[in-house]
Amino acid sequence: MKSDWRATGAERMWRGRESLEVIEGKAVEIETESVSLGARLTELLAEESPEELLRRLQSFKRSVEDALARSSSAFQILRQLESADLKECARCTEELEQRLSRNPHYRVLGKLAEAEQLVAELTAPAQAG
């Protein structure tokens, strides 16, 4: 009776699987729905324009900046100094940037700025030509 129960359990476990492939002697489940979803997602991302990508990067950057501003007084002061464009405060700005260099949000902002620059560089020849 136990073997019947196990067979039924195995049937239930494998029921609903789209495809079962054998790779290197092991059974591997291939879900065709996931594969087609991945293909559609790839198509959508390929269709995204550089301008749309840049817009999304800027939106994400603003949200990271807002989170950092809420949690870091050093970043709040740095923002104020940068917006006032005070040349005399270069030493203060450097010290604040040094303090923030270990903050994950601040580091992500740096990477997002790099990504924005990369997208701008990639689109510049297309716009000039």
Protein backbone atom coordinates (compact mmCIF):
# COMPACT_ATOMS: atom_id res chain seq x y z
CA MET A 1 0.00 0.00 0.00
CA LYS A 2 2.89 2.34 0.71
CA SER A 3 4.31 1.93 -2.79
CA ASP A 4 0.94 2.96 -4.27
CA TRP A 5 0.94 6.06 -2.05
CA ARG A 6 4.47 6.96 -3.18
CA ALA A 7 3.58 6.50 -6.85
CA THR A 8 0.53 8.73 -6.43
CA GLY A 9 2.67 11.33 -4.65
CA ALA A 10 5.24 11.20 -7.45
CA GLU A 11 2.51 11.60 -10.03
CA ARG A 12 1.14 14.62 -8.19
CA MET A 13 4.63 16.05 -7.90
CA TRP A 14 5.36 15.75 -11.63
CA ARG A 15 1.87 16.59 -12.85
CA GLY A 16 1.72 20.06 -14.37
CA ARG A 17 5.32 20.11 -15.52
CA GLU A 18 5.58 21.30 -19.09
CA SER A 19 8.60 19.39 -20.27
CA LEU A 20 11.21 17.08 -18.79
CA GLU A 21 14.62 16.94 -20.44
CA VAL A 22 17.59 14.72 -19.58
CA ILE A 23 20.86 16.63 -19.40
CA GLU A 24 24.04 14.81 -18.39
CA GLY A 25 22.03 11.90 -17.01
CA LYS A 26 19.84 14.09 -14.79
CA ALA A 27 16.20 14.97 -15.30
CA VAL A 28 15.80 18.71 -15.65
CA GLU A 29 12.47 20.46 -15.79
CA ILE A 30 12.00 22.97 -18.58
CA GLU A 31 9.05 25.25 -18.03
CA THR A 32 8.08 26.58 -21.44
CA GLU A 33 6.06 29.36 -19.83
CA SER A 34 9.19 30.73 -18.11
CA VAL A 35 11.20 30.46 -21.30
CA SER A 36 8.61 32.35 -23.34
CA LEU A 37 8.28 34.99 -20.60
CA GLY A 38 12.06 35.47 -20.65
CA ALA A 39 12.03 35.80 -24.42
CA ARG A 40 9.26 38.39 -24.27
CA LEU A 41 11.10 40.31 -21.57
CA THR A 42 14.27 40.30 -23.68
CA GLU A 43 12.30 41.65 -26.63
CA LEU A 44 10.81 44.44 -24.52
CA LEU A 45 14.20 45.44 -23.15
CA ALA A 46 15.71 45.41 -26.63
CA GLU A 47 12.95 47.74 -27.81
CA GLU A 48 13.59 50.24 -25.03
CA SER A 49 15.16 53.42 -26.34
CA PRO A 50 18.30 54.89 -24.77
CA GLU A 51 16.23 57.94 -23.82
CA GLU A 52 13.76 55.73 -21.92
CA LEU A 53 16.64 53.94 -20.21
CA LEU A 54 18.15 57.28 -19.21
CA ARG A 55 14.79 58.45 -17.87
CA ARG A 56 14.43 55.31 -15.76
CA LEU A 57 18.00 55.66 -14.46
CA GLN A 58 17.33 59.26 -13.45
CA SER A 59 14.11 58.27 -11.70
CA PHE A 60 15.88 55.56 -9.73
CA LYS A 61 18.72 57.94 -8.92
CA ARG A 62 16.25 60.45 -7.47
CA SER A 63 14.70 57.78 -5.26
CA VAL A 64 18.14 56.72 -3.96
CA GLU A 65 19.07 60.37 -3.34
CA ASP A 66 15.83 60.89 -1.41
CA ALA A 67 16.50 57.81 0.75
CA LEU A 68 20.05 58.98 1.41
CA ALA A 69 18.90 62.50 2.27
CA ARG A 70 16.44 61.07 4.82
CA SER A 71 19.11 58.95 6.51
CA SER A 72 22.30 61.03 6.31
CA SER A 73 22.89 64.49 7.69
CA ALA A 74 26.30 64.50 5.95
CA PHE A 75 24.53 64.11 2.59
CA GLN A 76 22.06 66.87 3.48
CA ILE A 77 24.95 69.24 4.23
CA LEU A 78 26.78 68.17 1.06
CA ARG A 79 23.67 68.91 -1.02
CA GLN A 80 23.38 72.37 0.53
CA LEU A 81 27.03 73.15 -0.16
CA GLU A 82 26.76 71.95 -3.76
CA SER A 83 23.60 73.94 -4.42
CA ALA A 84 25.19 77.09 -2.93
CA ASP A 85 28.23 76.53 -5.21
CA LEU A 86 30.62 77.76 -2.55
CA LYS A 87 34.20 77.39 -3.80
CA GLU A 88 35.61 78.19 -0.34
CA CYS A 89 34.07 75.03 1.08
CA ALA A 90 36.04 72.59 -1.05
CA ARG A 91 37.75 71.12 2.03
CA CYS A 92 34.38 70.65 3.76
CA THR A 93 32.94 69.04 0.64
CA GLU A 94 35.88 66.63 0.39
CA GLU A 95 35.50 65.65 4.04
CA LEU A 96 31.77 65.01 3.62
CA GLU A 97 32.40 62.95 0.48
CA GLN A 98 35.04 60.97 2.41
CA ARG A 99 32.54 60.22 5.18
CA LEU A 100 29.89 59.22 2.66
CA SER A 101 32.27 56.97 0.68
CA ARG A 102 31.35 54.01 2.92
CA ASN A 103 27.59 54.62 2.63
CA PRO A 104 25.93 52.09 0.29
CA HIS A 105 23.39 54.63 -1.00
CA TYR A 106 26.13 57.10 -1.85
CA ARG A 107 28.13 54.42 -3.65
CA VAL A 108 25.06 53.40 -5.67
CA LEU A 109 24.56 57.04 -6.63
CA GLY A 110 28.10 57.06 -8.01
CA LYS A 111 27.41 53.94 -10.08
CA LEU A 112 24.15 55.41 -11.36
CA ALA A 113 26.01 58.56 -12.42
CA GLU A 114 28.47 56.30 -14.31
CA ALA A 115 25.54 54.49 -15.98
CA GLU A 116 23.97 57.80 -17.02
CA GLN A 117 27.28 58.90 -18.49
CA LEU A 118 27.63 55.62 -20.38
CA VAL A 119 24.15 55.92 -21.89
CA ALA A 120 24.86 59.53 -22.84
CA GLU A 121 28.12 58.50 -24.53
CA LEU A 122 26.42 55.67 -26.41
CA THR A 123 23.66 57.92 -27.70
CA ALA A 124 25.89 60.89 -28.58
CA PRO A 125 27.12 59.49 -31.96
CA ALA A 126 23.57 58.55 -32.94
CA GLN A 127 22.35 62.07 -32.21
CA ALA A 128 25.27 63.70 -34.04
CA GLY A 129 24.83 61.54 -37.14
